[in-house]
């Protein structure tokens, strides 16, 4: 993190500002900051501007039940510090107020010039996740304040489509850590659907499109709250014969997507990312995900932003996803190495952690990475490799001793997110870096490898229920001593660790 909340304590007059028409994530983020400052003896105000007061019933319930002291203001005497949360100062959806100093904490894409005192994490699913990490760095335990824990969890919940669009480990950390009030969350959720929205869902389900020869369906819904799209998706996926579905709604600024999957051959988050590639973004869980197609990006690429054009675009991408993806299982049969080239491994500094130090023998841990969670059973010969680009993966000791040598040099992790494992029984989060040691990938060892010209879903011997995705430009690698041992190496990793040699 580039900002410490303790730096805010130097200011005497602080106003925390949400964006206009604040949502649950903005309210939660501002509320958690307000509680932190109050605990440090600093008086602050929590405000929002805009043309209208809050009216959405779940947000009004949130404010009342959690006692969030948010104020609606149209004028504001310039404070010493104005801190915007879940938005950026100067954006069109943030009422402009003057201040001596400006600070920003947000998780959206950069849209304006940021002040020096800023924290922007565009790859986080919610601003609540950013606040959670900032509070954690200050030793502030959110579970000591049940209202804060509940607010932050609900902020994450609503901004990620009911946790379906979680895309960063920090989001998963907040989800797993917060001891929230189940009663309050249930109340907020059940205050979120109006009779009008129920009618929208019914009409949408009547107009589902089923694709002959493919196990998926699509629905266009009238404009509605993103959570309603998830409700429609969940209902649609219960239709016999479907393994995935897409529900979308055309809005003034773009197209909101909700994606569901009930097959291990289709990760909903990966499908959402494929559907929005180059025109927006997507992410979430393996079974529930979402995304957005941005109207301005459609225009930049010369595409027509009309209901018919959008429908055909999405149908085309769904068809491509199913027709162009190949599924393979490692360890089943020898790979035909015709067309593969020889590549020699470079001497590369890496890190490793012995799994036996992280949990008891036989227990399972989730290796928490940027790509997702990988479940591994703790055994004496299991190690976790920390790669050259911050990537993390399990390795057997026998293979480790053939391919690496240990080093006494201090280990320096090159990634952005501090890697961790989660004890699947207790939920305890255990960071890897305190246990990490240095090693060097032995140069001289070689592999067969071939650049992929298609999408490949590869189920490894570690986890036959979850695949690794390779896309065009990545590499399929084969160990020379075991042609059943096939694996995918991302291009950015491959270029750093291997070089072609004559066969």
Protein backbone atom coordinates (compact mmCIF):
# COMPACT_ATOMS: atom_id res chain seq x y z
CA UNK A 1 0.00 0.00 0.00
CA UNK A 2 1.28 3.49 -0.83
CA UNK A 3 -0.68 5.35 1.86
CA UNK A 4 -0.85 4.85 5.61
CA UNK A 5 -4.04 5.83 7.37
CA UNK A 6 -1.98 7.07 10.30
CA UNK A 7 -0.88 9.96 8.06
CA UNK A 8 -4.45 11.24 8.19
CA UNK A 9 -4.11 11.84 11.92
CA UNK A 10 -2.01 14.94 11.22
CA UNK A 11 -5.17 16.74 10.01
CA UNK A 12 -7.65 18.28 12.43
CA UNK A 13 -10.63 18.93 10.18
CA UNK A 14 -11.44 15.96 7.93
CA UNK A 15 -14.42 15.34 5.65
CA UNK A 16 -14.91 11.91 4.08
CA UNK A 17 -16.89 12.21 0.85
CA UNK A 18 -18.75 9.42 -0.97
CA UNK A 19 -19.71 9.78 -4.62
CA UNK A 20 -23.16 11.13 -5.45
CA UNK A 21 -25.96 8.57 -5.01
CA UNK A 22 -23.63 6.45 -2.87
CA UNK A 23 -23.89 2.67 -3.00
CA UNK A 24 -23.21 0.20 -0.20
CA UNK A 25 -19.48 0.02 -1.00
CA UNK A 26 -19.03 3.79 -0.75
CA UNK A 27 -21.04 3.99 2.49
CA UNK A 28 -19.14 1.07 4.01
CA UNK A 29 -15.74 2.47 3.06
CA UNK A 30 -16.51 5.91 4.43
CA UNK A 31 -18.05 4.49 7.59
CA UNK A 32 -15.04 2.26 8.35
CA UNK A 33 -12.69 5.24 7.90
CA UNK A 34 -14.91 7.39 10.11
CA UNK A 35 -14.82 4.76 12.86
CA UNK A 36 -11.02 4.42 12.56
CA UNK A 37 -10.52 8.19 12.88
CA UNK A 38 -12.97 8.41 15.80
CA UNK A 39 -11.02 5.71 17.59
CA UNK A 40 -7.89 7.81 17.19
CA UNK A 41 -9.59 10.88 18.67
CA UNK A 42 -10.04 12.63 15.32
CA UNK A 43 -13.42 14.17 14.54
CA UNK A 44 -14.56 13.74 10.97
CA UNK A 45 -17.73 14.07 8.89
CA UNK A 46 -19.06 11.55 6.37
CA UNK A 47 -20.97 13.21 3.52
CA UNK A 48 -22.30 12.85 -0.01
CA UNK A 49 -23.65 15.37 -2.49
CA UNK A 50 -25.57 15.25 -5.73
CA UNK A 51 -29.13 16.01 -6.75
CA UNK A 52 -30.97 13.48 -4.60
CA UNK A 53 -31.12 11.88 -1.18
CA UNK A 54 -30.71 8.15 -0.66
CA UNK A 55 -33.93 6.31 -1.46
CA UNK A 56 -32.96 2.67 -2.06
CA UNK A 57 -34.47 0.63 0.73
CA UNK A 58 -31.49 -1.64 1.38
CA UNK A 59 -29.16 1.38 1.73
CA UNK A 60 -31.54 3.19 4.07
CA UNK A 61 -31.72 0.03 6.16
CA UNK A 62 -27.93 -0.20 6.16
CA UNK A 63 -27.55 3.37 7.37
CA UNK A 64 -30.15 2.90 10.10
CA UNK A 65 -29.16 -0.52 11.43
CA UNK A 66 -25.39 0.12 11.41
CA UNK A 67 -25.78 3.72 12.60
CA UNK A 68 -23.77 5.19 9.76
CA UNK A 69 -23.55 8.98 10.35
CA UNK A 70 -23.69 9.96 6.69
CA UNK A 71 -24.95 13.45 5.79
CA UNK A 72 -26.41 14.79 2.56
CA UNK A 73 -24.88 18.21 1.80
CA UNK A 74 -25.18 20.75 -0.98
CA UNK A 75 -22.61 23.16 0.48
CA UNK A 76 -19.46 22.52 2.47
CA UNK A 77 -17.07 24.85 4.24
CA UNK A 78 -13.58 23.96 2.98
CA UNK A 79 -12.06 21.40 5.36
CA UNK A 80 -8.37 20.94 5.99
CA UNK A 81 -8.59 17.51 4.32
CA UNK A 82 -11.25 16.19 1.95
CA UNK A 83 -10.96 12.44 1.44
CA UNK A 84 -13.02 10.86 -1.34
CA UNK A 85 -13.80 7.14 -1.06
CA UNK A 86 -14.94 4.77 -3.83
CA UNK A 87 -14.42 7.64 -6.28
CA UNK A 88 -11.85 10.15 -7.49
CA UNK A 89 -11.86 13.88 -6.83
CA UNK A 90 -12.88 15.71 -9.99
CA UNK A 91 -15.01 12.94 -11.47
CA UNK A 92 -18.42 13.83 -12.86
CA UNK A 93 -20.26 11.75 -10.25
CA UNK A 94 -18.54 13.52 -7.33
CA UNK A 95 -19.90 16.91 -6.26
CA UNK A 96 -17.05 19.40 -6.26
CA UNK A 97 -16.12 20.85 -2.88
CA UNK A 98 -13.06 22.97 -2.13
CA UNK A 99 -10.49 21.88 0.47
CA UNK A 100 -6.97 22.73 1.62
CA UNK A 101 -5.79 19.18 0.94
CA UNK A 102 -7.27 16.32 -1.10
CA UNK A 103 -6.90 12.57 -0.64
CA UNK A 104 -8.37 9.68 -2.64
CA UNK A 105 -9.03 6.03 -1.82
CA UNK A 106 -10.63 4.10 -4.68
CA UNK A 107 -10.71 0.85 -6.63
CA UNK A 108 -11.91 2.03 -10.05
CA UNK A 109 -9.80 2.70 -13.13
CA UNK A 110 -7.77 5.90 -13.07
CA UNK A 111 -9.92 8.66 -14.55
CA UNK A 112 -8.32 11.89 -13.35
CA UNK A 113 -5.09 13.27 -11.92
CA UNK A 114 -4.61 11.90 -8.43
CA UNK A 115 -3.33 13.96 -5.50
CA UNK A 116 -0.15 12.91 -3.73
CA UNK A 117 -2.14 11.38 -0.87
CA UNK A 118 -3.90 8.60 -2.75
CA UNK A 119 -4.56 4.88 -2.77
CA UNK A 120 -5.90 3.44 -6.03
CA UNK A 121 -6.27 -0.34 -6.41
CA UNK A 122 -8.04 -0.86 -9.73
CA UNK A 123 -7.72 -4.64 -9.56
CA UNK A 124 -9.65 -4.88 -6.29
CA UNK A 125 -13.33 -5.79 -6.52
CA UNK A 126 -14.46 -3.20 -3.98
CA UNK A 127 -13.27 -0.12 -2.16
CA UNK A 128 -14.20 -1.98 1.03
CA UNK A 129 -11.34 -4.38 0.26
CA UNK A 130 -8.91 -1.47 -0.09
CA UNK A 131 -10.06 -0.01 3.24
CA UNK A 132 -9.83 -3.44 4.89
CA UNK A 133 -6.18 -3.78 3.87
CA UNK A 134 -5.36 -0.22 4.96
CA UNK A 135 -6.97 -0.83 8.35
CA UNK A 136 -5.17 -4.16 8.66
CA UNK A 137 -1.85 -2.38 8.08
CA UNK A 138 -2.66 -0.08 11.01
CA UNK A 139 -3.48 -2.99 13.32
CA UNK A 140 -7.19 -2.10 13.30
CA UNK A 141 -9.16 -5.35 13.74
CA UNK A 142 -12.49 -4.90 11.97
CA UNK A 143 -14.05 -7.76 13.93
CA UNK A 144 -13.67 -5.75 17.14
CA UNK A 145 -16.37 -3.49 15.67
CA UNK A 146 -19.21 -5.71 14.36
CA UNK A 147 -20.88 -2.82 12.54
CA UNK A 148 -17.68 -2.09 10.59
CA UNK A 149 -17.16 -5.76 9.75
CA UNK A 150 -20.77 -6.03 8.56
CA UNK A 151 -20.57 -2.83 6.53
CA UNK A 152 -17.33 -3.78 4.77
CA UNK A 153 -18.60 -7.27 4.00
CA UNK A 154 -21.82 -5.86 2.56
CA UNK A 155 -19.87 -3.32 0.53
CA UNK A 156 -17.81 -6.14 -0.96
CA UNK A 157 -20.92 -8.28 -1.43
CA UNK A 158 -22.83 -5.67 -3.41
CA UNK A 159 -19.91 -4.41 -5.51
CA UNK A 160 -19.00 -7.92 -6.64
CA UNK A 161 -22.48 -9.07 -7.62
CA UNK A 162 -23.12 -11.02 -4.45
CA UNK A 163 -19.44 -12.10 -4.26
CA UNK A 164 -19.73 -13.53 -7.79
CA UNK A 165 -17.27 -11.09 -9.36
CA UNK A 166 -14.44 -11.33 -6.84
CA UNK A 167 -11.21 -11.09 -8.80
CA UNK A 168 -8.41 -10.27 -6.34
CA UNK A 169 -7.01 -12.13 -3.32
CA UNK A 170 -7.65 -9.07 -1.13
CA UNK A 171 -11.37 -9.43 -1.85
CA UNK A 172 -11.25 -13.08 -0.83
CA UNK A 173 -9.37 -12.11 2.33
CA UNK A 174 -12.12 -9.70 3.37
CA UNK A 175 -14.80 -12.22 2.48
CA UNK A 176 -13.17 -14.90 4.63
CA UNK A 177 -12.06 -12.69 7.53
CA UNK A 178 -15.10 -10.55 8.31
CA UNK A 179 -17.29 -11.81 11.17
CA UNK A 180 -20.37 -9.95 10.02
CA UNK A 181 -23.90 -9.92 11.37
CA UNK A 182 -25.73 -12.59 9.40
CA UNK A 183 -29.03 -11.12 10.54
CA UNK A 184 -28.19 -7.70 9.12
CA UNK A 185 -26.83 -9.04 5.84
CA UNK A 186 -29.92 -11.21 5.40
CA UNK A 187 -32.14 -8.21 6.08
CA UNK A 188 -30.27 -6.02 3.57
CA UNK A 189 -30.38 -8.72 0.91
CA UNK A 190 -34.08 -9.32 1.40
CA UNK A 191 -34.80 -5.60 1.13
CA UNK A 192 -33.21 -5.44 -2.30
CA UNK A 193 -35.91 -6.69 -4.66
CA UNK A 194 -39.02 -4.71 -5.48
CA UNK A 195 -42.21 -5.97 -7.10
CA UNK A 196 -41.20 -4.17 -10.29
CA UNK A 197 -37.89 -6.04 -10.33
CA UNK A 198 -39.69 -9.34 -9.82
CA UNK A 199 -41.75 -8.58 -12.93
CA UNK A 200 -38.55 -7.82 -14.89
CA UNK A 201 -37.11 -11.20 -13.92
CA UNK A 202 -40.24 -13.05 -14.99
CA UNK A 203 -40.36 -11.35 -18.38
CA UNK A 204 -36.65 -12.00 -18.99
CA UNK A 205 -36.93 -15.71 -18.25
CA UNK A 206 -39.76 -16.05 -20.77
CA UNK A 207 -37.41 -14.85 -23.56
CA UNK A 208 -34.37 -17.08 -22.98
CA UNK A 209 -32.34 -18.08 -26.06
CA UNK A 210 -31.12 -21.69 -26.13
CA UNK A 211 -28.30 -22.52 -28.56
CA UNK A 212 -28.79 -25.83 -30.36
CA UNK A 213 -25.75 -28.08 -30.01
CA UNK A 214 -24.25 -26.09 -27.11
CA UNK A 215 -25.01 -26.39 -23.37
CA UNK A 216 -25.62 -22.71 -22.68
CA UNK A 217 -28.41 -20.14 -22.83
CA UNK A 218 -28.66 -16.35 -23.03
CA UNK A 219 -31.15 -13.77 -21.78
CA UNK A 220 -31.48 -10.03 -22.31
CA UNK A 221 -33.09 -8.29 -19.36
CA UNK A 222 -34.54 -4.83 -19.07
CA UNK A 223 -32.26 -2.34 -17.25
CA UNK A 224 -32.14 -3.28 -13.60
CA UNK A 225 -29.94 -3.54 -10.53
CA UNK A 226 -26.92 -5.83 -11.20
CA UNK A 227 -27.97 -8.08 -8.32
CA UNK A 228 -31.19 -8.85 -10.19
CA UNK A 229 -29.16 -10.14 -13.15
CA UNK A 230 -27.56 -12.62 -10.77
CA UNK A 231 -30.97 -13.76 -9.55
CA UNK A 232 -32.09 -14.37 -13.15
CA UNK A 233 -28.83 -16.21 -13.93
CA UNK A 234 -29.23 -18.51 -10.96
CA UNK A 235 -32.75 -19.42 -12.02
CA UNK A 236 -31.79 -19.98 -15.66
CA UNK A 237 -28.95 -22.32 -14.78
CA UNK A 238 -31.39 -24.69 -13.12
CA UNK A 239 -32.76 -25.62 -16.55
CA UNK A 240 -31.89 -29.20 -17.46
CA UNK A 241 -29.00 -29.60 -19.90
CA UNK A 242 -27.37 -26.24 -19.29
CA UNK A 243 -23.83 -25.96 -17.96
CA UNK A 244 -23.48 -22.20 -18.30
CA UNK A 245 -25.58 -19.13 -18.98
CA UNK A 246 -25.31 -15.43 -19.72
CA UNK A 247 -27.77 -12.76 -18.65
CA UNK A 248 -27.18 -9.17 -19.76
CA UNK A 249 -28.77 -5.76 -19.56
CA UNK A 250 -28.15 -2.78 -21.84
CA UNK A 251 -27.56 0.43 -19.86
CA UNK A 252 -26.76 3.99 -21.01
CA UNK A 253 -23.02 3.52 -20.42
CA UNK A 254 -22.61 -0.10 -21.50
CA UNK A 255 -23.78 -3.69 -21.10
CA UNK A 256 -23.80 -5.36 -17.69
CA UNK A 257 -23.22 -9.14 -17.76
CA UNK A 258 -23.96 -11.91 -15.28
CA UNK A 259 -22.40 -15.32 -15.95
CA UNK A 260 -23.02 -18.67 -14.27
CA UNK A 261 -21.52 -22.16 -14.63
CA UNK A 262 -22.22 -25.55 -13.06
CA UNK A 263 -19.52 -27.48 -14.97
CA UNK A 264 -15.86 -27.86 -14.04
CA UNK A 265 -15.06 -27.47 -17.74
CA UNK A 266 -16.22 -23.84 -17.67
CA UNK A 267 -15.03 -21.30 -15.12
CA UNK A 268 -17.56 -18.50 -14.98
CA UNK A 269 -14.90 -15.88 -14.24
CA UNK A 270 -12.85 -16.99 -17.23
CA UNK A 271 -15.91 -16.97 -19.50
CA UNK A 272 -16.82 -13.46 -18.31
CA UNK A 273 -13.29 -12.29 -19.07
CA UNK A 274 -13.48 -13.86 -22.55
CA UNK A 275 -16.82 -12.21 -23.32
CA UNK A 276 -15.57 -8.74 -22.36
CA UNK A 277 -12.00 -8.97 -23.70
CA UNK A 278 -10.95 -5.70 -25.34
CA UNK A 279 -14.30 -4.04 -24.64
CA UNK A 280 -14.51 -3.92 -20.86
CA UNK A 281 -13.70 -6.38 -18.11
CA UNK A 282 -14.97 -9.35 -16.18
CA UNK A 283 -14.16 -11.52 -13.22
CA UNK A 284 -15.53 -13.39 -10.24
CA UNK A 285 -15.79 -16.97 -9.03
CA UNK A 286 -15.56 -20.23 -10.93
CA UNK A 287 -19.34 -20.66 -10.71
CA UNK A 288 -20.56 -17.05 -10.54
CA UNK A 289 -19.09 -14.05 -12.31
CA UNK A 290 -19.94 -10.82 -14.05
CA UNK A 291 -18.57 -8.12 -16.26
CA UNK A 292 -19.24 -5.05 -18.33
CA UNK A 293 -18.97 -4.08 -21.99
CA UNK A 294 -18.30 -0.34 -22.22
CA UNK A 295 -20.25 1.71 -24.74
CA UNK A 296 -17.35 4.05 -25.50
CA UNK A 297 -15.07 1.11 -26.33
CA UNK A 298 -17.71 -0.24 -28.71
CA UNK A 299 -17.68 3.10 -30.53
CA UNK A 300 -13.87 3.26 -30.62
CA UNK A 301 -13.82 -0.11 -32.40
CA UNK A 302 -16.50 0.85 -34.88
CA UNK A 303 -19.16 -1.44 -33.44
CA UNK A 304 -22.83 -0.56 -33.41
CA UNK A 305 -24.29 -0.18 -29.93
CA UNK A 306 -27.80 -1.44 -30.59
CA UNK A 307 -29.78 -4.29 -29.00
CA UNK A 308 -29.54 -6.45 -32.13
CA UNK A 309 -25.82 -5.85 -32.61
CA UNK A 310 -25.07 -6.52 -28.95
CA UNK A 311 -27.08 -9.75 -29.00
CA UNK A 312 -25.24 -11.05 -32.07
CA UNK A 313 -21.87 -9.99 -30.64
CA UNK A 314 -22.47 -11.91 -27.41
CA UNK A 315 -23.83 -14.95 -29.25
CA UNK A 316 -20.74 -14.94 -31.42
CA UNK A 317 -18.38 -14.81 -28.48
CA UNK A 318 -20.25 -17.55 -26.62
CA UNK A 319 -20.05 -19.74 -29.73
CA UNK A 320 -16.31 -19.05 -30.11
CA UNK A 321 -15.68 -19.85 -26.47
CA UNK A 322 -17.23 -23.29 -26.77
CA UNK A 323 -16.01 -24.16 -30.25
CA UNK A 324 -12.40 -22.94 -29.87
CA UNK A 325 -11.52 -24.24 -26.38
CA UNK A 326 -9.74 -27.61 -26.09
CA UNK A 327 -9.79 -29.59 -22.82
CA UNK A 328 -6.87 -31.84 -21.81
CA UNK A 329 -5.87 -33.90 -18.75
CA UNK A 330 -2.22 -34.24 -17.69
CA UNK A 331 -0.86 -37.65 -16.74
CA UNK A 332 -3.24 -39.61 -18.97
CA UNK A 333 -1.31 -40.28 -22.17
CA UNK A 334 2.01 -39.44 -23.78
CA UNK A 335 2.10 -36.12 -25.60
CA UNK A 336 2.90 -36.23 -29.30
CA UNK A 337 5.95 -33.95 -29.44
CA UNK A 338 5.89 -33.51 -33.21
CA UNK A 339 6.43 -29.81 -33.87
CA UNK A 340 7.79 -29.13 -30.37
CA UNK A 341 11.13 -27.33 -29.96
CA UNK A 342 13.89 -27.70 -27.37
CA UNK A 343 14.21 -25.00 -24.74
CA UNK A 344 16.91 -24.69 -22.10
CA UNK A 345 16.13 -23.28 -18.68
CA UNK A 346 18.05 -20.16 -17.62
CA UNK A 347 19.61 -19.66 -14.20
CA UNK A 348 16.76 -17.86 -12.45
CA UNK A 349 16.48 -16.77 -8.82
CA UNK A 350 13.24 -17.89 -7.23
CA UNK A 351 11.84 -18.79 -3.84
CA UNK A 352 10.24 -21.75 -2.14
CA UNK A 353 8.31 -22.67 1.00
CA UNK A 354 8.05 -26.13 2.53
CA UNK A 355 4.35 -26.81 3.00
CA UNK A 356 4.95 -28.81 6.20
CA UNK A 357 5.70 -25.57 8.05
CA UNK A 358 2.29 -24.15 7.17
CA UNK A 359 -0.09 -26.77 8.52
CA UNK A 360 -0.32 -30.29 9.92
CA UNK A 361 0.46 -33.28 7.75
CA UNK A 362 -2.55 -34.44 5.74
CA UNK A 363 -4.43 -31.13 6.11
CA UNK A 364 -5.46 -29.21 3.03
CA UNK A 365 -4.55 -25.62 2.31
CA UNK A 366 -5.64 -23.24 -0.41
CA UNK A 367 -2.72 -21.57 -2.15
CA UNK A 368 -4.08 -18.04 -2.64
CA UNK A 369 -2.75 -16.55 -5.87
CA UNK A 370 -3.69 -13.82 -8.31
CA UNK A 371 -4.97 -16.53 -10.68
CA UNK A 372 -7.23 -18.12 -8.07
CA UNK A 373 -7.16 -20.71 -5.29
CA UNK A 374 -5.36 -24.06 -5.68
CA UNK A 375 -6.08 -26.74 -3.07
CA UNK A 376 -3.09 -28.85 -1.94
CA UNK A 377 -2.73 -31.53 0.71
CA UNK A 378 0.19 -30.90 3.06
CA UNK A 379 2.84 -33.62 2.85
CA UNK A 380 6.54 -33.76 3.65
CA UNK A 381 7.52 -33.67 -0.01
CA UNK A 382 5.25 -30.78 -1.04
CA UNK A 383 6.85 -27.37 -1.66
CA UNK A 384 5.38 -24.13 -2.91
CA UNK A 385 7.45 -22.37 -5.55
CA UNK A 386 7.48 -18.56 -5.73
CA UNK A 387 8.18 -17.75 -9.36
CA UNK A 388 9.98 -15.00 -11.23
CA UNK A 389 6.82 -12.98 -11.83
CA UNK A 390 5.14 -13.51 -8.47
CA UNK A 391 3.33 -16.65 -9.66
CA UNK A 392 2.93 -19.48 -7.15
CA UNK A 393 2.54 -23.20 -7.73
CA UNK A 394 3.06 -26.52 -5.88
CA UNK A 395 5.99 -28.85 -6.58
CA UNK A 396 7.07 -32.30 -5.35
CA UNK A 397 10.44 -32.47 -3.57
CA UNK A 398 11.82 -35.00 -6.06
CA UNK A 399 11.13 -32.66 -8.96
CA UNK A 400 12.40 -29.69 -6.92
CA UNK A 401 15.75 -31.38 -6.26
CA UNK A 402 16.13 -32.17 -9.96
CA UNK A 403 15.33 -28.66 -11.10
CA UNK A 404 16.52 -26.28 -8.35
CA UNK A 405 19.33 -25.70 -5.92
CA UNK A 406 18.87 -23.95 -2.60
CA UNK A 407 20.58 -20.65 -1.82
CA UNK A 408 21.52 -18.79 1.37
CA UNK A 409 20.72 -15.42 -0.23
CA UNK A 410 17.77 -13.50 1.29
CA UNK A 411 14.58 -14.01 -0.67
CA UNK A 412 12.94 -10.96 -2.27
CA UNK A 413 9.43 -11.49 -3.59
CA UNK A 414 8.82 -9.80 -6.98
CA UNK A 415 5.02 -9.80 -6.93
CA UNK A 416 2.48 -7.15 -5.88
CA UNK A 417 0.20 -9.24 -3.67
CA UNK A 418 1.72 -10.89 -0.58
CA UNK A 419 1.20 -14.64 -1.19
CA UNK A 420 -0.65 -16.69 1.39
CA UNK A 421 -2.35 -20.01 2.03
CA UNK A 422 -5.66 -20.57 3.78
CA UNK A 423 -6.14 -23.44 6.22
CA UNK A 424 -9.33 -25.03 4.85
CA UNK A 425 -10.44 -26.23 8.30
CA UNK A 426 -9.85 -23.13 10.40
CA UNK A 427 -9.93 -20.41 7.74
CA UNK A 428 -6.62 -19.07 9.08
CA UNK A 429 -4.63 -17.03 6.57
CA UNK A 430 -0.91 -17.83 6.64
CA UNK A 431 1.45 -15.57 4.71
CA UNK A 432 4.24 -17.39 2.88
CA UNK A 433 7.03 -14.81 2.93
CA UNK A 434 8.09 -15.41 6.56
CA UNK A 435 8.81 -19.03 5.57
CA UNK A 436 10.28 -18.32 2.14
CA UNK A 437 13.84 -19.30 1.23
CA UNK A 438 15.84 -18.61 -1.89
CA UNK A 439 16.58 -21.09 -4.62
CA UNK A 440 17.91 -21.01 -8.15
CA UNK A 441 16.22 -22.76 -11.04
CA UNK A 442 19.00 -24.83 -12.53
CA UNK A 443 20.04 -23.69 -15.96
CA UNK A 444 20.86 -26.51 -18.31
CA UNK A 445 17.73 -28.54 -17.75
CA UNK A 446 15.55 -28.57 -20.83
CA UNK A 447 12.01 -29.23 -21.97
CA UNK A 448 9.99 -29.69 -25.10
CA UNK A 449 7.67 -26.75 -25.67
CA UNK A 450 5.28 -25.49 -28.29
CA UNK A 451 3.56 -22.13 -28.60
CA UNK A 452 -0.21 -22.46 -28.36
CA UNK A 453 -2.35 -21.31 -31.26
CA UNK A 454 -5.63 -21.98 -29.43
CA UNK A 455 -7.24 -21.85 -25.99
CA UNK A 456 -6.32 -24.86 -23.86
CA UNK A 457 -7.89 -25.89 -20.56
CA UNK A 458 -5.46 -28.25 -18.83
CA UNK A 459 -6.42 -30.24 -15.75
CA UNK A 460 -3.25 -31.02 -13.80
CA UNK A 461 -2.47 -34.03 -11.63
CA UNK A 462 -2.59 -31.72 -8.60
CA UNK A 463 -6.25 -30.82 -9.02
CA UNK A 464 -8.47 -32.69 -11.48
CA UNK A 465 -11.41 -30.42 -10.64
CA UNK A 466 -9.84 -27.14 -11.74
CA UNK A 467 -8.04 -26.33 -14.98
CA UNK A 468 -5.20 -23.99 -15.85
CA UNK A 469 -5.93 -21.85 -18.88
CA UNK A 470 -3.51 -21.39 -21.72
CA UNK A 471 -4.25 -18.88 -24.47
CA UNK A 472 -2.71 -18.15 -27.83
CA UNK A 473 0.93 -17.21 -27.30
CA UNK A 474 1.38 -19.23 -24.09
CA UNK A 475 3.38 -22.45 -24.17
CA UNK A 476 2.54 -26.12 -23.68
CA UNK A 477 5.58 -27.78 -22.07
CA UNK A 478 6.55 -31.45 -21.84
CA UNK A 479 9.23 -32.95 -19.58
CA UNK A 480 11.72 -34.97 -21.67
CA UNK A 481 11.75 -37.83 -19.14
CA UNK A 482 7.96 -38.10 -18.87
CA UNK A 483 5.82 -37.25 -21.87
CA UNK A 484 2.67 -37.52 -19.77
CA UNK A 485 3.88 -34.61 -17.61
CA UNK A 486 2.45 -31.68 -19.56
CA UNK A 487 1.83 -28.20 -18.23
CA UNK A 488 1.18 -24.64 -19.35
CA UNK A 489 3.68 -21.81 -19.01
CA UNK A 490 2.39 -18.27 -19.52
CA UNK A 491 4.30 -16.39 -22.19
CA UNK A 492 5.48 -13.65 -19.80
CA UNK A 493 6.99 -16.37 -17.56
CA UNK A 494 8.36 -18.46 -20.40
CA UNK A 495 10.33 -15.57 -21.93
CA UNK A 496 12.02 -14.92 -18.58
CA UNK A 497 12.95 -18.50 -17.81
CA UNK A 498 13.68 -20.36 -21.08
CA UNK A 499 15.66 -19.90 -24.26
CA UNK A 500 15.51 -21.94 -27.45
CA UNK A 501 18.41 -24.33 -28.21
CA UNK A 502 19.22 -26.61 -31.11
CA UNK A 503 17.71 -30.07 -30.77
